[in-house]
């Protein structure tokens, strides 16, 4: 993926004569607040809506979302705003408070900058087809529907840990995962019972 590079010295206002040149920080385009990677939004939504999700993961996901302001049409198409809104009434006070803060932040932004354009990054059609097949095989290995929240969360985590590329690493990881889930009742039971988290599962079989 193309990168947007800013060359920002670590030290400011100091002479560099006779000293080693200051290091520069490279910033990827995805790290900018106005750039929204839709896959990341969908992945975080999948984590937030997973039944019996841990408080730590909920808080971490909300914190990551706080760094972005999705355009209104992305909020509507992904329904991430609705997911965050529902978490405002979560039984854990810390989750409810952070969800409310995020909801208010997005709301205020749209009131102040409703016409400001933003950039969004999407997957190409070929990658989406490959990922759709991956969800199909995952669903079969877990005896769940392809649109089940757990299937969605696992596939998106594999894609994320494969550097958001549906390449060799993604395919190998998916094959290893599906094979293990199909042939290991113990692993399958741990995943379905949530005793093995999505993140732990993917890290364990990542190729």
C-alpha atoms as a PDB file:
ATOM      1  CA  UNK A   1       0.000   0.000   0.000  1.00  0.00           C
ATOM      2  CA  UNK A   2       1.273   3.503  -0.770  1.00  0.00           C
ATOM      3  CA  UNK A   3       2.636   5.462   2.160  1.00  0.00           C
ATOM      4  CA  UNK A   4       2.358   9.092   3.106  1.00  0.00           C
ATOM      5  CA  UNK A   5       5.701  10.108   4.573  1.00  0.00           C
ATOM      6  CA  UNK A   6       6.309  13.009   6.902  1.00  0.00           C
ATOM      7  CA  UNK A   7       9.846  13.778   7.868  1.00  0.00           C
ATOM      8  CA  UNK A   8       9.630  15.069  11.403  1.00  0.00           C
ATOM      9  CA  UNK A   9      12.885  15.394  13.358  1.00  0.00           C
ATOM     10  CA  UNK A  10      12.840  13.990  16.888  1.00  0.00           C
ATOM     11  CA  UNK A  11      14.656  17.052  18.231  1.00  0.00           C
ATOM     12  CA  UNK A  12      13.642  20.636  17.460  1.00  0.00           C
ATOM     13  CA  UNK A  13      15.442  23.958  17.742  1.00  0.00           C
ATOM     14  CA  UNK A  14      18.874  22.418  18.418  1.00  0.00           C
ATOM     15  CA  UNK A  15      22.006  22.725  16.293  1.00  0.00           C
ATOM     16  CA  UNK A  16      23.073  19.517  14.597  1.00  0.00           C
ATOM     17  CA  UNK A  17      26.575  20.728  13.730  1.00  0.00           C
ATOM     18  CA  UNK A  18      29.086  18.054  14.561  1.00  0.00           C
ATOM     19  CA  UNK A  19      26.320  15.680  15.598  1.00  0.00           C
ATOM     20  CA  UNK A  20      24.653  12.763  13.939  1.00  0.00           C
ATOM     21  CA  UNK A  21      21.617  13.821  11.888  1.00  0.00           C
ATOM     22  CA  UNK A  22      18.331  13.410  13.815  1.00  0.00           C
ATOM     23  CA  UNK A  23      16.176  10.401  13.132  1.00  0.00           C
ATOM     24  CA  UNK A  24      13.020  10.817  11.107  1.00  0.00           C
ATOM     25  CA  UNK A  25       9.613   9.338  11.797  1.00  0.00           C
ATOM     26  CA  UNK A  26       7.778   7.669   8.924  1.00  0.00           C
ATOM     27  CA  UNK A  27       4.008   7.808   9.114  1.00  0.00           C
ATOM     28  CA  UNK A  28       1.813   5.526   7.044  1.00  0.00           C
ATOM     29  CA  UNK A  29      -1.216   7.073   5.418  1.00  0.00           C
ATOM     30  CA  UNK A  30      -3.533   4.842   7.476  1.00  0.00           C
ATOM     31  CA  UNK A  31      -2.327   6.459  10.702  1.00  0.00           C
ATOM     32  CA  UNK A  32      -3.841   9.836   9.780  1.00  0.00           C
ATOM     33  CA  UNK A  33      -7.175  10.563  11.468  1.00  0.00           C
ATOM     34  CA  UNK A  34      -8.819  11.582   8.201  1.00  0.00           C
ATOM     35  CA  UNK A  35      -7.913   8.292   6.541  1.00  0.00           C
ATOM     36  CA  UNK A  36     -10.262   5.428   7.336  1.00  0.00           C
ATOM     37  CA  UNK A  37      -9.395   1.825   6.497  1.00  0.00           C
ATOM     38  CA  UNK A  38     -12.845   0.267   6.255  1.00  0.00           C
ATOM     39  CA  UNK A  39     -11.477  -3.202   7.010  1.00  0.00           C
ATOM     40  CA  UNK A  40     -10.141  -1.943  10.344  1.00  0.00           C
ATOM     41  CA  UNK A  41     -13.529  -0.461  11.197  1.00  0.00           C
ATOM     42  CA  UNK A  42     -15.254  -3.760  10.364  1.00  0.00           C
ATOM     43  CA  UNK A  43     -12.678  -5.760  12.315  1.00  0.00           C
ATOM     44  CA  UNK A  44     -13.133  -3.623  15.420  1.00  0.00           C
ATOM     45  CA  UNK A  45     -16.891  -3.844  15.052  1.00  0.00           C
ATOM     46  CA  UNK A  46     -16.606  -7.641  14.882  1.00  0.00           C
ATOM     47  CA  UNK A  47     -14.656  -7.600  18.148  1.00  0.00           C
ATOM     48  CA  UNK A  48     -17.150  -5.273  19.841  1.00  0.00           C
ATOM     49  CA  UNK A  49     -20.231  -7.272  18.889  1.00  0.00           C
ATOM     50  CA  UNK A  50     -18.848 -10.697  19.759  1.00  0.00           C
ATOM     51  CA  UNK A  51     -21.026 -12.193  22.545  1.00  0.00           C
ATOM     52  CA  UNK A  52     -19.358 -12.336  25.983  1.00  0.00           C
ATOM     53  CA  UNK A  53     -16.383 -10.328  24.744  1.00  0.00           C
ATOM     54  CA  UNK A  54     -13.863  -9.503  27.492  1.00  0.00           C
ATOM     55  CA  UNK A  55     -13.841  -6.010  28.975  1.00  0.00           C
ATOM     56  CA  UNK A  56     -10.154  -5.568  28.125  1.00  0.00           C
ATOM     57  CA  UNK A  57     -10.739  -6.225  24.417  1.00  0.00           C
ATOM     58  CA  UNK A  58     -13.808  -3.974  24.383  1.00  0.00           C
ATOM     59  CA  UNK A  59     -11.806  -1.121  25.915  1.00  0.00           C
ATOM     60  CA  UNK A  60      -8.857  -1.697  23.578  1.00  0.00           C
ATOM     61  CA  UNK A  61     -11.142  -1.715  20.522  1.00  0.00           C
ATOM     62  CA  UNK A  62     -12.922   1.471  21.578  1.00  0.00           C
ATOM     63  CA  UNK A  63      -9.563   3.127  22.155  1.00  0.00           C
ATOM     64  CA  UNK A  64      -8.438   2.217  18.636  1.00  0.00           C
ATOM     65  CA  UNK A  65     -11.670   3.589  17.188  1.00  0.00           C
ATOM     66  CA  UNK A  66     -11.113   6.833  19.087  1.00  0.00           C
ATOM     67  CA  UNK A  67      -8.167   7.566  16.769  1.00  0.00           C
ATOM     68  CA  UNK A  68     -10.466   7.664  13.741  1.00  0.00           C
ATOM     69  CA  UNK A  69     -13.524   9.595  12.599  1.00  0.00           C
ATOM     70  CA  UNK A  70     -15.323   7.528   9.926  1.00  0.00           C
ATOM     71  CA  UNK A  71     -17.348   9.458   7.315  1.00  0.00           C
ATOM     72  CA  UNK A  72     -21.109   9.341   7.774  1.00  0.00           C
ATOM     73  CA  UNK A  73     -21.652   6.916   4.897  1.00  0.00           C
ATOM     74  CA  UNK A  74     -19.090   4.534   6.473  1.00  0.00           C
ATOM     75  CA  UNK A  75     -20.859   4.793   9.814  1.00  0.00           C
ATOM     76  CA  UNK A  76     -24.100   3.864   8.066  1.00  0.00           C
ATOM     77  CA  UNK A  77     -22.722   1.087   5.858  1.00  0.00           C
ATOM     78  CA  UNK A  78     -20.732  -0.614   8.645  1.00  0.00           C
ATOM     79  CA  UNK A  79     -23.193   0.312  11.431  1.00  0.00           C
ATOM     80  CA  UNK A  80     -20.206   0.875  13.714  1.00  0.00           C
ATOM     81  CA  UNK A  81     -21.953   3.929  15.183  1.00  0.00           C
ATOM     82  CA  UNK A  82     -24.892   1.772  16.232  1.00  0.00           C
ATOM     83  CA  UNK A  83     -22.533  -0.761  17.827  1.00  0.00           C
ATOM     84  CA  UNK A  84     -20.751   1.954  19.820  1.00  0.00           C
ATOM     85  CA  UNK A  85     -24.084   3.523  20.793  1.00  0.00           C
ATOM     86  CA  UNK A  86     -25.338   0.217  22.259  1.00  0.00           C
ATOM     87  CA  UNK A  87     -22.187  -0.135  24.361  1.00  0.00           C
ATOM     88  CA  UNK A  88     -23.087   3.069  26.207  1.00  0.00           C
ATOM     89  CA  UNK A  89     -25.376   0.905  28.351  1.00  0.00           C
ATOM     90  CA  UNK A  90     -22.818  -1.875  28.908  1.00  0.00           C
ATOM     91  CA  UNK A  91     -22.826  -3.397  32.399  1.00  0.00           C
ATOM     92  CA  UNK A  92     -19.162  -2.479  32.855  1.00  0.00           C
ATOM     93  CA  UNK A  93     -18.932   1.219  33.754  1.00  0.00           C
ATOM     94  CA  UNK A  94     -15.534   1.721  32.106  1.00  0.00           C
ATOM     95  CA  UNK A  95     -16.797   0.319  28.790  1.00  0.00           C
ATOM     96  CA  UNK A  96     -20.004   2.364  28.963  1.00  0.00           C
ATOM     97  CA  UNK A  97     -18.049   5.545  29.738  1.00  0.00           C
ATOM     98  CA  UNK A  98     -15.532   5.046  26.917  1.00  0.00           C
ATOM     99  CA  UNK A  99     -18.275   4.167  24.428  1.00  0.00           C
ATOM    100  CA  UNK A 100     -20.207   7.304  25.368  1.00  0.00           C
ATOM    101  CA  UNK A 101     -17.070   9.466  25.049  1.00  0.00           C
ATOM    102  CA  UNK A 102     -16.405   8.046  21.579  1.00  0.00           C
ATOM    103  CA  UNK A 103     -20.011   8.512  20.474  1.00  0.00           C
ATOM    104  CA  UNK A 104     -19.984  12.148  21.648  1.00  0.00           C
ATOM    105  CA  UNK A 105     -16.635  12.764  19.924  1.00  0.00           C
ATOM    106  CA  UNK A 106     -17.943  11.515  16.573  1.00  0.00           C
ATOM    107  CA  UNK A 107     -21.190  13.426  16.995  1.00  0.00           C
ATOM    108  CA  UNK A 108     -19.385  16.700  17.725  1.00  0.00           C
ATOM    109  CA  UNK A 109     -17.035  16.198  14.781  1.00  0.00           C
ATOM    110  CA  UNK A 110     -19.929  15.872  12.328  1.00  0.00           C
ATOM    111  CA  UNK A 111     -21.589  18.950  13.764  1.00  0.00           C
ATOM    112  CA  UNK A 112     -18.380  20.972  13.308  1.00  0.00           C
ATOM    113  CA  UNK A 113     -16.999  19.492  10.062  1.00  0.00           C
ATOM    114  CA  UNK A 114     -19.955  17.881   8.327  1.00  0.00           C
ATOM    115  CA  UNK A 115     -18.790  18.798   4.822  1.00  0.00           C
ATOM    116  CA  UNK A 116     -15.102  17.945   5.183  1.00  0.00           C
ATOM    117  CA  UNK A 117     -14.054  15.124   2.782  1.00  0.00           C
ATOM    118  CA  UNK A 118     -12.194  12.093   4.092  1.00  0.00           C
ATOM    119  CA  UNK A 119     -10.222   9.259   2.531  1.00  0.00           C
ATOM    120  CA  UNK A 120     -11.220   5.632   2.861  1.00  0.00           C
ATOM    121  CA  UNK A 121      -9.234   2.508   1.983  1.00  0.00           C
ATOM    122  CA  UNK A 122     -11.004  -0.637   0.781  1.00  0.00           C
ATOM    123  CA  UNK A 123     -10.060  -4.185  -0.239  1.00  0.00           C
ATOM    124  CA  UNK A 124     -10.037  -5.037  -3.932  1.00  0.00           C
ATOM    125  CA  UNK A 125     -12.647  -7.385  -5.395  1.00  0.00           C
ATOM    126  CA  UNK A 126     -10.225 -10.327  -5.772  1.00  0.00           C
ATOM    127  CA  UNK A 127      -9.223 -10.143  -2.106  1.00  0.00           C
ATOM    128  CA  UNK A 128     -12.859  -9.956  -1.050  1.00  0.00           C
ATOM    129  CA  UNK A 129     -13.679 -13.118  -3.019  1.00  0.00           C
ATOM    130  CA  UNK A 130     -10.793 -14.968  -1.391  1.00  0.00           C
ATOM    131  CA  UNK A 131     -11.863 -13.777   2.044  1.00  0.00           C
ATOM    132  CA  UNK A 132     -15.451 -14.802   1.395  1.00  0.00           C
ATOM    133  CA  UNK A 133     -14.238 -18.325   0.656  1.00  0.00           C
ATOM    134  CA  UNK A 134     -12.202 -18.217   3.845  1.00  0.00           C
ATOM    135  CA  UNK A 135     -15.310 -17.368   5.867  1.00  0.00           C
ATOM    136  CA  UNK A 136     -17.149 -20.242   4.191  1.00  0.00           C
ATOM    137  CA  UNK A 137     -14.504 -22.804   5.222  1.00  0.00           C
ATOM    138  CA  UNK A 138     -14.263 -21.334   8.722  1.00  0.00           C
ATOM    139  CA  UNK A 139     -18.024 -21.553   9.135  1.00  0.00           C
ATOM    140  CA  UNK A 140     -18.017 -25.186   8.057  1.00  0.00           C
ATOM    141  CA  UNK A 141     -15.194 -26.068  10.455  1.00  0.00           C
ATOM    142  CA  UNK A 142     -17.115 -24.473  13.346  1.00  0.00           C
ATOM    143  CA  UNK A 143     -20.548 -25.716  12.229  1.00  0.00           C
ATOM    144  CA  UNK A 144     -21.807 -22.140  12.151  1.00  0.00           C
ATOM    145  CA  UNK A 145     -23.368 -19.878   9.552  1.00  0.00           C
ATOM    146  CA  UNK A 146     -21.034 -17.857   7.318  1.00  0.00           C
ATOM    147  CA  UNK A 147     -22.392 -14.604   8.749  1.00  0.00           C
ATOM    148  CA  UNK A 148     -22.011 -15.683  12.389  1.00  0.00           C
ATOM    149  CA  UNK A 149     -20.259 -13.078  14.574  1.00  0.00           C
ATOM    150  CA  UNK A 150     -17.529 -15.538  15.604  1.00  0.00           C
ATOM    151  CA  UNK A 151     -16.718 -16.497  12.016  1.00  0.00           C
ATOM    152  CA  UNK A 152     -16.548 -12.833  11.057  1.00  0.00           C
ATOM    153  CA  UNK A 153     -14.282 -11.969  13.987  1.00  0.00           C
ATOM    154  CA  UNK A 154     -11.851 -14.835  13.336  1.00  0.00           C
ATOM    155  CA  UNK A 155     -11.516 -14.123   9.603  1.00  0.00           C
ATOM    156  CA  UNK A 156     -10.970 -10.422  10.143  1.00  0.00           C
ATOM    157  CA  UNK A 157      -8.329 -11.112  12.787  1.00  0.00           C
ATOM    158  CA  UNK A 158      -6.470 -13.454  10.394  1.00  0.00           C
ATOM    159  CA  UNK A 159      -6.578 -10.759   7.712  1.00  0.00           C
ATOM    160  CA  UNK A 160      -5.373  -8.121  10.165  1.00  0.00           C
ATOM    161  CA  UNK A 161      -2.476 -10.263  11.399  1.00  0.00           C
ATOM    162  CA  UNK A 162      -1.566 -10.956   7.747  1.00  0.00           C
ATOM    163  CA  UNK A 163      -0.889  -7.213   7.335  1.00  0.00           C
ATOM    164  CA  UNK A 164      -4.278  -6.731   5.612  1.00  0.00           C
ATOM    165  CA  UNK A 165      -3.111  -8.727   2.600  1.00  0.00           C
ATOM    166  CA  UNK A 166      -4.937 -11.747   1.187  1.00  0.00           C
ATOM    167  CA  UNK A 167      -1.638 -13.284   0.138  1.00  0.00           C
ATOM    168  CA  UNK A 168       0.412 -16.364   0.954  1.00  0.00           C
ATOM    169  CA  UNK A 169       0.525 -15.724   4.724  1.00  0.00           C
ATOM    170  CA  UNK A 170      -3.257 -15.247   4.843  1.00  0.00           C
ATOM    171  CA  UNK A 171      -3.966 -18.424   2.853  1.00  0.00           C
ATOM    172  CA  UNK A 172      -1.572 -20.537   4.923  1.00  0.00           C
ATOM    173  CA  UNK A 173      -2.967 -19.240   8.190  1.00  0.00           C
ATOM    174  CA  UNK A 174      -6.539 -19.881   7.101  1.00  0.00           C
ATOM    175  CA  UNK A 175      -5.705 -23.414   5.967  1.00  0.00           C
ATOM    176  CA  UNK A 176      -3.958 -24.198   9.272  1.00  0.00           C
ATOM    177  CA  UNK A 177      -6.847 -22.763  11.263  1.00  0.00           C
ATOM    178  CA  UNK A 178      -9.569 -24.550   9.347  1.00  0.00           C
ATOM    179  CA  UNK A 179      -7.696 -27.864   9.484  1.00  0.00           C
ATOM    180  CA  UNK A 180      -7.207 -27.582  13.267  1.00  0.00           C
ATOM    181  CA  UNK A 181     -10.806 -26.586  13.920  1.00  0.00           C
ATOM    182  CA  UNK A 182     -12.081 -29.467  11.795  1.00  0.00           C
ATOM    183  CA  UNK A 183      -9.902 -32.147  13.372  1.00  0.00           C
ATOM    184  CA  UNK A 184      -9.479 -30.985  16.972  1.00  0.00           C
ATOM    185  CA  UNK A 185     -12.614 -31.170  19.106  1.00  0.00           C
ATOM    186  CA  UNK A 186     -10.685 -29.645  22.004  1.00  0.00           C
ATOM    187  CA  UNK A 187      -9.655 -26.499  20.104  1.00  0.00           C
ATOM    188  CA  UNK A 188     -13.101 -26.150  18.525  1.00  0.00           C
ATOM    189  CA  UNK A 189     -14.769 -26.396  21.954  1.00  0.00           C
ATOM    190  CA  UNK A 190     -12.406 -23.799  23.436  1.00  0.00           C
ATOM    191  CA  UNK A 191     -13.181 -21.369  20.620  1.00  0.00           C
ATOM    192  CA  UNK A 192     -16.945 -21.869  20.820  1.00  0.00           C
ATOM    193  CA  UNK A 193     -16.944 -21.561  24.629  1.00  0.00           C
ATOM    194  CA  UNK A 194     -14.759 -18.394  24.438  1.00  0.00           C
ATOM    195  CA  UNK A 195     -12.119 -19.950  26.723  1.00  0.00           C
ATOM    196  CA  UNK A 196      -9.728 -19.390  23.795  1.00  0.00           C
ATOM    197  CA  UNK A 197     -10.063 -15.853  22.467  1.00  0.00           C
ATOM    198  CA  UNK A 198     -10.095 -15.001  18.777  1.00  0.00           C
ATOM    199  CA  UNK A 199      -6.769 -13.191  19.116  1.00  0.00           C
ATOM    200  CA  UNK A 200      -5.117 -16.132  20.896  1.00  0.00           C
ATOM    201  CA  UNK A 201      -6.470 -18.594  18.341  1.00  0.00           C
ATOM    202  CA  UNK A 202      -5.150 -16.668  15.356  1.00  0.00           C
ATOM    203  CA  UNK A 203      -1.729 -16.015  16.917  1.00  0.00           C
ATOM    204  CA  UNK A 204      -1.407 -19.707  17.711  1.00  0.00           C
ATOM    205  CA  UNK A 205      -1.912 -20.842  14.113  1.00  0.00           C
ATOM    206  CA  UNK A 206      -0.540 -17.846  12.242  1.00  0.00           C
ATOM    207  CA  UNK A 207       1.849 -18.790   9.425  1.00  0.00           C
END
